[in-house]
Amino acid sequence: MPASAARTVTETAVEFHDVLSDDGTRLRAWTNDPDGSIDGPTVVLCNGLGTNPWAWPAMLRPDCGVRVVSWNHRGTGGSDRPADPEHVGIDAFVEDGLSVMDHFGVDRAVLVGWSMGVNTMFELALAHPERVTGLFAVAGVPGDTFSTMLGPLWLPRFAARAVTVNLSRALKLGGRMLTPVASRLTVGPRGIAVLTRTGFMFPVPDPELAAVAVAEFLKTPVDWYFHLALRTSEHGRVSLSRLRVPVELVAGRFDLLAGARHMATAAERLADATYVELRGSHFLQMEQPERVHELLLAFLDRVS
């Protein structure tokens, strides 16, 4: 996709709405169905922390067959910061998700989660089971995420948590110095190609749209992003025995931010769960958009 086509997608495939959450915080919510033409079920996307619609290329196609409603996290992507800067974290994100569902008239739906959004969707399903018909998790675990990071390195959970939490604290403290640099980075297909050679992300079929996703992500001030991350690190493991809806977990074998083996053990503890492992990193829906979307459509058929 040439850069002009990527711009056309970002301009036409998503419609933004202002939504007030319970505490009065204005959220920038969005849907991939601006004109109501998508003929298919609605899913509620609990996105990765600080990420945006452009990270889901298959959902931006007019023929994707799924209506998506979602929102940008507090203080990111045009959403306001809350009046109380401590009112962030998974519980606040659950409140935001419910407000977005109410705004779009979604009484019950399958929740789709990516990364830290998986924490949000599991917590929402436990707190409000009447609103949830199924859970589709991509590259994320149901709680205590920081202890599952660096999975390919096989660190003990306590060590992984110590490393990642302390790194987040350092980046929060240094964030004001780093933000001017990060926000001025020019991200294009060549930058994505370099990133994919690091092993942190694998090659993507649409580097132009991936560049849009990364450039938008980098607009969030670094100190605020890691403030959000540290608050989400406080979210512990959820009680999976209380869940009564179908679940599918899609893991990346080489994921550094949500260990595949931890997703596999979560699937074993669930009453009605399917586990799929793909050769990829934390960014599966960007690396293998068609495959992940096929899995989602099959899951929606199963739930319905």
Protein backbone atom coordinates (compact mmCIF):
# COMPACT_ATOMS: atom_id res chain seq x y z
CA MET A 1 0.00 0.00 0.00
CA PRO A 2 1.55 3.34 -1.01
CA ALA A 3 1.64 6.18 1.50
CA SER A 4 -1.26 7.97 -0.22
CA ALA A 5 -3.41 4.86 0.13
CA ALA A 6 -2.48 4.59 3.81
CA ARG A 7 -3.62 8.18 4.32
CA THR A 8 -6.91 7.40 2.56
CA VAL A 9 -7.50 4.46 4.89
CA THR A 10 -6.84 6.53 7.99
CA GLU A 11 -9.13 9.29 6.76
CA THR A 12 -12.11 7.17 5.69
CA ALA A 13 -12.13 3.88 7.62
CA VAL A 14 -12.65 5.24 11.13
CA GLU A 15 -15.16 7.63 12.70
CA PHE A 16 -14.38 9.25 16.05
CA HIS A 17 -16.87 10.14 18.80
CA ASP A 18 -16.56 12.04 22.06
CA VAL A 19 -17.75 9.93 25.00
CA LEU A 20 -17.86 10.87 28.67
CA SER A 21 -16.80 8.19 31.11
CA ASP A 22 -18.35 7.86 34.57
CA ASP A 23 -15.93 10.31 36.18
CA GLY A 24 -16.46 12.91 33.45
CA THR A 25 -13.28 12.18 31.49
CA ARG A 26 -13.78 12.81 27.76
CA LEU A 27 -12.71 9.82 25.71
CA ARG A 28 -11.99 9.70 22.01
CA ALA A 29 -14.00 6.64 20.99
CA TRP A 30 -14.09 5.23 17.48
CA THR A 31 -15.75 2.77 15.15
CA ASN A 32 -14.73 1.20 11.85
CA ASP A 33 -18.31 1.59 10.56
CA PRO A 34 -18.79 5.32 9.85
CA ASP A 35 -21.80 4.87 7.55
CA GLY A 36 -23.41 1.81 9.17
CA SER A 37 -22.74 -0.36 6.12
CA ILE A 38 -20.89 -3.25 7.79
CA ASP A 39 -23.08 -6.33 7.83
CA GLY A 40 -21.83 -8.40 10.73
CA PRO A 41 -21.59 -8.73 14.50
CA THR A 42 -20.29 -5.98 16.76
CA VAL A 43 -17.18 -6.49 18.87
CA VAL A 44 -15.77 -4.21 21.54
CA LEU A 45 -12.03 -3.78 21.15
CA CYS A 46 -10.00 -3.28 24.32
CA ASN A 47 -6.87 -2.10 22.58
CA GLY A 48 -3.23 -2.22 23.59
CA LEU A 49 -2.13 0.51 25.97
CA GLY A 50 -1.84 3.82 24.12
CA THR A 51 -2.43 2.23 20.72
CA ASN A 52 -4.86 3.20 17.99
CA PRO A 53 -7.11 1.86 15.19
CA TRP A 54 -4.28 1.71 12.65
CA ALA A 55 -2.76 -1.25 14.53
CA TRP A 56 -5.64 -3.43 13.25
CA PRO A 57 -5.35 -3.35 9.42
CA ALA A 58 -7.83 -6.19 8.78
CA MET A 59 -10.52 -4.34 10.72
CA LEU A 60 -10.15 -1.25 8.54
CA ARG A 61 -11.32 -2.99 5.38
CA PRO A 62 -14.93 -2.23 4.42
CA ASP A 63 -15.51 -5.95 3.82
CA CYS A 64 -14.10 -7.11 7.16
CA GLY A 65 -17.53 -8.34 8.30
CA VAL A 66 -17.15 -7.07 11.87
CA ARG A 67 -18.33 -3.77 13.35
CA VAL A 68 -15.76 -2.57 15.87
CA VAL A 69 -16.27 -0.04 18.64
CA SER A 70 -13.34 1.05 20.76
CA TRP A 71 -11.64 4.03 22.40
CA ASN A 72 -8.24 5.60 23.01
CA HIS A 73 -6.91 5.39 26.55
CA ARG A 74 -6.99 8.32 28.96
CA GLY A 75 -4.46 10.94 27.93
CA THR A 76 -3.65 9.24 24.61
CA GLY A 77 -4.86 9.61 21.03
CA GLY A 78 -7.03 12.66 21.72
CA SER A 79 -8.65 11.37 24.93
CA ASP A 80 -8.36 13.70 27.92
CA ARG A 81 -6.40 12.96 31.03
CA PRO A 82 -8.67 12.51 34.07
CA ALA A 83 -8.99 15.31 36.61
CA ASP A 84 -7.39 12.93 39.10
CA PRO A 85 -4.26 11.64 37.35
CA GLU A 86 -4.31 8.57 39.58
CA HIS A 87 -7.71 7.52 38.22
CA VAL A 88 -6.16 5.33 35.57
CA GLY A 89 -5.45 1.62 35.36
CA ILE A 90 -7.53 -1.43 34.59
CA ASP A 91 -10.54 -0.53 36.77
CA ALA A 92 -10.78 2.89 35.11
CA PHE A 93 -10.43 1.29 31.68
CA VAL A 94 -13.33 -1.05 32.50
CA GLU A 95 -15.46 2.00 33.31
CA ASP A 96 -14.41 3.53 30.00
CA GLY A 97 -15.27 0.37 28.08
CA LEU A 98 -18.77 0.29 29.56
CA SER A 99 -19.29 3.97 28.71
CA VAL A 100 -18.25 3.30 25.11
CA MET A 101 -20.61 0.33 24.88
CA ASP A 102 -23.48 2.45 26.18
CA HIS A 103 -22.66 5.27 23.76
CA PHE A 104 -22.81 2.95 20.76
CA GLY A 105 -25.89 1.08 22.03
CA VAL A 106 -24.07 -2.22 22.57
CA ASP A 107 -25.84 -4.21 25.28
CA ARG A 108 -23.81 -7.43 24.96
CA ALA A 109 -20.90 -8.35 22.73
CA VAL A 110 -17.74 -10.35 22.24
CA LEU A 111 -14.77 -8.45 23.63
CA VAL A 112 -11.51 -8.43 21.68
CA GLY A 113 -8.38 -7.61 23.63
CA TRP A 114 -4.79 -6.98 22.67
CA SER A 115 -1.86 -6.72 25.06
CA MET A 116 -2.92 -4.82 28.21
CA GLY A 117 -6.43 -4.68 26.75
CA VAL A 118 -6.70 -8.39 27.57
CA ASN A 119 -6.52 -7.45 31.26
CA THR A 120 -9.30 -4.93 30.70
CA MET A 121 -11.62 -7.34 28.89
CA PHE A 122 -11.20 -10.14 31.45
CA GLU A 123 -11.90 -7.72 34.30
CA LEU A 124 -14.93 -6.32 32.48
CA ALA A 125 -16.26 -9.84 31.89
CA LEU A 126 -15.91 -10.71 35.58
CA ALA A 127 -17.48 -7.48 36.84
CA HIS A 128 -20.28 -7.34 34.25
CA PRO A 129 -20.91 -10.84 32.85
CA GLU A 130 -24.29 -9.75 31.52
CA ARG A 131 -22.50 -7.51 28.97
CA VAL A 132 -20.14 -10.16 27.55
CA THR A 133 -20.75 -13.13 25.23
CA GLY A 134 -17.14 -14.18 24.59
CA LEU A 135 -13.49 -13.14 24.91
CA PHE A 136 -10.92 -13.11 22.08
CA ALA A 137 -7.44 -12.40 23.44
CA VAL A 138 -4.47 -11.50 21.23
CA ALA A 139 -0.98 -11.40 22.77
CA GLY A 140 -2.14 -10.73 26.32
CA VAL A 141 -2.69 -12.48 29.63
CA PRO A 142 -5.55 -12.20 32.15
CA GLY A 143 -3.74 -10.15 34.78
CA ASP A 144 -0.27 -9.73 36.30
CA THR A 145 1.06 -8.94 32.85
CA PHE A 146 4.45 -7.58 33.90
CA SER A 147 5.47 -10.90 35.47
CA THR A 148 4.90 -12.63 32.09
CA MET A 149 7.02 -10.21 30.05
CA LEU A 150 10.35 -11.29 28.55
CA GLY A 151 8.85 -14.77 28.16
CA PRO A 152 11.36 -16.04 25.55
CA LEU A 153 14.14 -15.36 28.10
CA TRP A 154 12.57 -17.83 30.58
CA LEU A 155 13.00 -15.56 33.60
CA PRO A 156 11.15 -16.46 36.79
CA ARG A 157 7.96 -14.44 37.18
CA PHE A 158 9.31 -12.36 40.09
CA ALA A 159 12.46 -11.49 38.12
CA ALA A 160 10.56 -10.54 34.97
CA ARG A 161 8.26 -8.32 37.01
CA ALA A 162 11.16 -6.63 38.81
CA VAL A 163 12.99 -5.89 35.56
CA THR A 164 9.98 -4.54 33.66
CA VAL A 165 8.45 -2.52 36.50
CA ASN A 166 11.76 -0.87 37.36
CA LEU A 167 12.43 -0.11 33.70
CA SER A 168 8.99 1.51 33.49
CA ARG A 169 9.75 3.61 36.58
CA ALA A 170 12.99 4.80 35.02
CA LEU A 171 11.28 5.71 31.75
CA LYS A 172 8.55 7.58 33.61
CA LEU A 173 11.15 9.61 35.49
CA GLY A 174 13.07 10.38 32.31
CA GLY A 175 9.99 10.78 30.17
CA ARG A 176 9.98 14.57 29.95
CA MET A 177 13.44 14.51 28.42
CA LEU A 178 12.58 11.65 26.06
CA THR A 179 9.22 12.99 24.84
CA PRO A 180 10.62 15.76 22.56
CA VAL A 181 12.82 13.17 20.87
CA ALA A 182 10.13 10.49 20.51
CA SER A 183 7.46 12.89 19.27
CA ARG A 184 9.75 14.22 16.52
CA LEU A 185 10.79 10.86 15.15
CA THR A 186 9.93 10.44 11.48
CA VAL A 187 8.42 6.99 11.08
CA GLY A 188 8.05 5.49 7.63
CA PRO A 189 8.25 2.08 5.96
CA ARG A 190 12.05 2.09 6.26
CA GLY A 191 11.78 2.66 10.00
CA ILE A 192 9.32 -0.23 10.25
CA ALA A 193 11.73 -2.41 8.27
CA VAL A 194 14.49 -1.63 10.77
CA LEU A 195 12.16 -2.35 13.70
CA THR A 196 11.20 -5.72 12.25
CA ARG A 197 14.85 -6.74 12.05
CA THR A 198 15.24 -6.39 15.82
CA GLY A 199 12.97 -9.32 16.64
CA PHE A 200 10.74 -7.08 18.76
CA MET A 201 8.32 -6.97 15.82
CA PHE A 202 8.24 -9.37 12.88
CA PRO A 203 7.78 -8.24 9.23
CA VAL A 204 4.35 -6.84 8.39
CA PRO A 205 2.52 -6.98 5.05
CA ASP A 206 1.50 -3.30 5.27
CA PRO A 207 4.51 -1.27 6.48
CA GLU A 208 2.89 2.03 5.46
CA LEU A 209 -0.10 1.55 7.75
CA ALA A 210 2.18 0.17 10.46
CA ALA A 211 4.17 3.40 10.23
CA VAL A 212 0.97 5.39 10.78
CA ALA A 213 0.19 3.26 13.86
CA VAL A 214 3.67 3.75 15.33
CA ALA A 215 3.78 7.48 14.57
CA GLU A 216 0.43 7.98 16.31
CA PHE A 217 1.61 5.92 19.30
CA LEU A 218 4.70 8.11 19.68
CA LYS A 219 2.56 11.24 20.15
CA THR A 220 1.80 10.20 23.73
CA PRO A 221 4.21 11.83 26.21
CA VAL A 222 6.61 9.18 27.47
CA ASP A 223 6.15 10.04 31.15
CA TRP A 224 2.34 9.78 30.87
CA TYR A 225 2.53 6.50 28.98
CA PHE A 226 4.66 4.90 31.67
CA HIS A 227 2.45 6.39 34.36
CA LEU A 228 -0.39 4.44 32.74
CA ALA A 229 1.81 1.36 32.42
CA LEU A 230 2.80 1.40 36.09
CA ARG A 231 -0.83 1.67 37.17
CA THR A 232 -1.76 -1.28 34.97
CA SER A 233 1.12 -3.26 36.51
CA GLU A 234 -0.88 -3.23 39.76
CA HIS A 235 -3.57 -5.42 38.21
CA GLY A 236 -3.23 -8.94 39.58
CA ARG A 237 -4.25 -12.28 38.10
CA VAL A 238 -8.00 -12.68 37.69
CA SER A 239 -10.10 -15.59 38.92
CA LEU A 240 -10.61 -17.58 35.74
CA SER A 241 -12.85 -20.15 37.43
CA ARG A 242 -15.65 -17.55 37.55
CA LEU A 243 -15.80 -17.09 33.77
CA ARG A 244 -18.65 -18.79 31.93
CA VAL A 245 -18.16 -17.57 28.36
CA PRO A 246 -16.12 -19.00 25.47
CA VAL A 247 -12.54 -17.73 25.27
CA GLU A 248 -9.89 -17.89 22.57
CA LEU A 249 -6.28 -16.94 23.25
CA VAL A 250 -3.96 -16.21 20.30
CA ALA A 251 -0.31 -16.05 21.30
CA GLY A 252 2.92 -15.07 19.56
CA ARG A 253 5.66 -17.65 20.08
CA PHE A 254 8.36 -14.98 20.37
CA ASP A 255 6.34 -12.34 22.23
CA LEU A 256 8.49 -10.31 24.64
CA LEU A 257 5.55 -8.47 26.24
CA ALA A 258 3.07 -11.27 27.00
CA GLY A 259 4.60 -14.72 27.33
CA ALA A 260 3.02 -17.41 25.16
CA ARG A 261 3.44 -20.11 27.80
CA HIS A 262 1.54 -18.00 30.31
CA MET A 263 -1.31 -17.63 27.81
CA ALA A 264 -1.27 -21.40 27.30
CA THR A 265 -1.56 -22.11 31.03
CA ALA A 266 -4.40 -19.58 31.28
CA ALA A 267 -6.25 -21.48 28.57
CA GLU A 268 -5.81 -24.70 30.55
CA ARG A 269 -7.45 -23.09 33.59
CA LEU A 270 -10.52 -21.92 31.66
CA ALA A 271 -13.65 -24.01 31.31
CA ASP A 272 -14.24 -23.25 27.61
CA ALA A 273 -11.05 -22.03 25.97
CA THR A 274 -9.10 -22.50 22.77
CA TYR A 275 -5.40 -21.72 22.50
CA VAL A 276 -3.67 -20.86 19.21
CA GLU A 277 0.04 -20.13 18.92
CA LEU A 278 1.40 -18.36 15.86
CA ARG A 279 4.95 -17.69 14.79
CA GLY A 280 5.16 -14.03 15.62
CA SER A 281 5.76 -11.35 18.20
CA HIS A 282 3.52 -9.12 20.29
CA PHE A 283 2.11 -7.52 17.14
CA LEU A 284 0.34 -10.52 15.63
CA GLN A 285 -2.63 -8.61 14.21
CA MET A 286 -0.17 -6.42 12.26
CA GLU A 287 2.15 -9.27 11.23
CA GLN A 288 -0.56 -11.79 10.28
CA PRO A 289 -3.72 -9.68 9.91
CA GLU A 290 -5.56 -12.14 7.68
CA ARG A 291 -4.86 -15.13 9.93
CA VAL A 292 -5.86 -13.32 13.13
CA HIS A 293 -9.01 -12.03 11.46
CA GLU A 294 -9.92 -15.52 10.24
CA LEU A 295 -9.58 -16.78 13.80
CA LEU A 296 -11.81 -13.97 15.05
CA LEU A 297 -14.51 -14.67 12.47
CA ALA A 298 -14.46 -18.38 13.33
CA PHE A 299 -14.70 -17.54 17.03
CA LEU A 300 -17.68 -15.24 16.40
CA ASP A 301 -19.41 -18.06 14.50
CA ARG A 302 -18.77 -20.41 17.42
CA VAL A 303 -20.11 -17.94 19.98
CA SER A 304 -23.21 -17.15 17.95
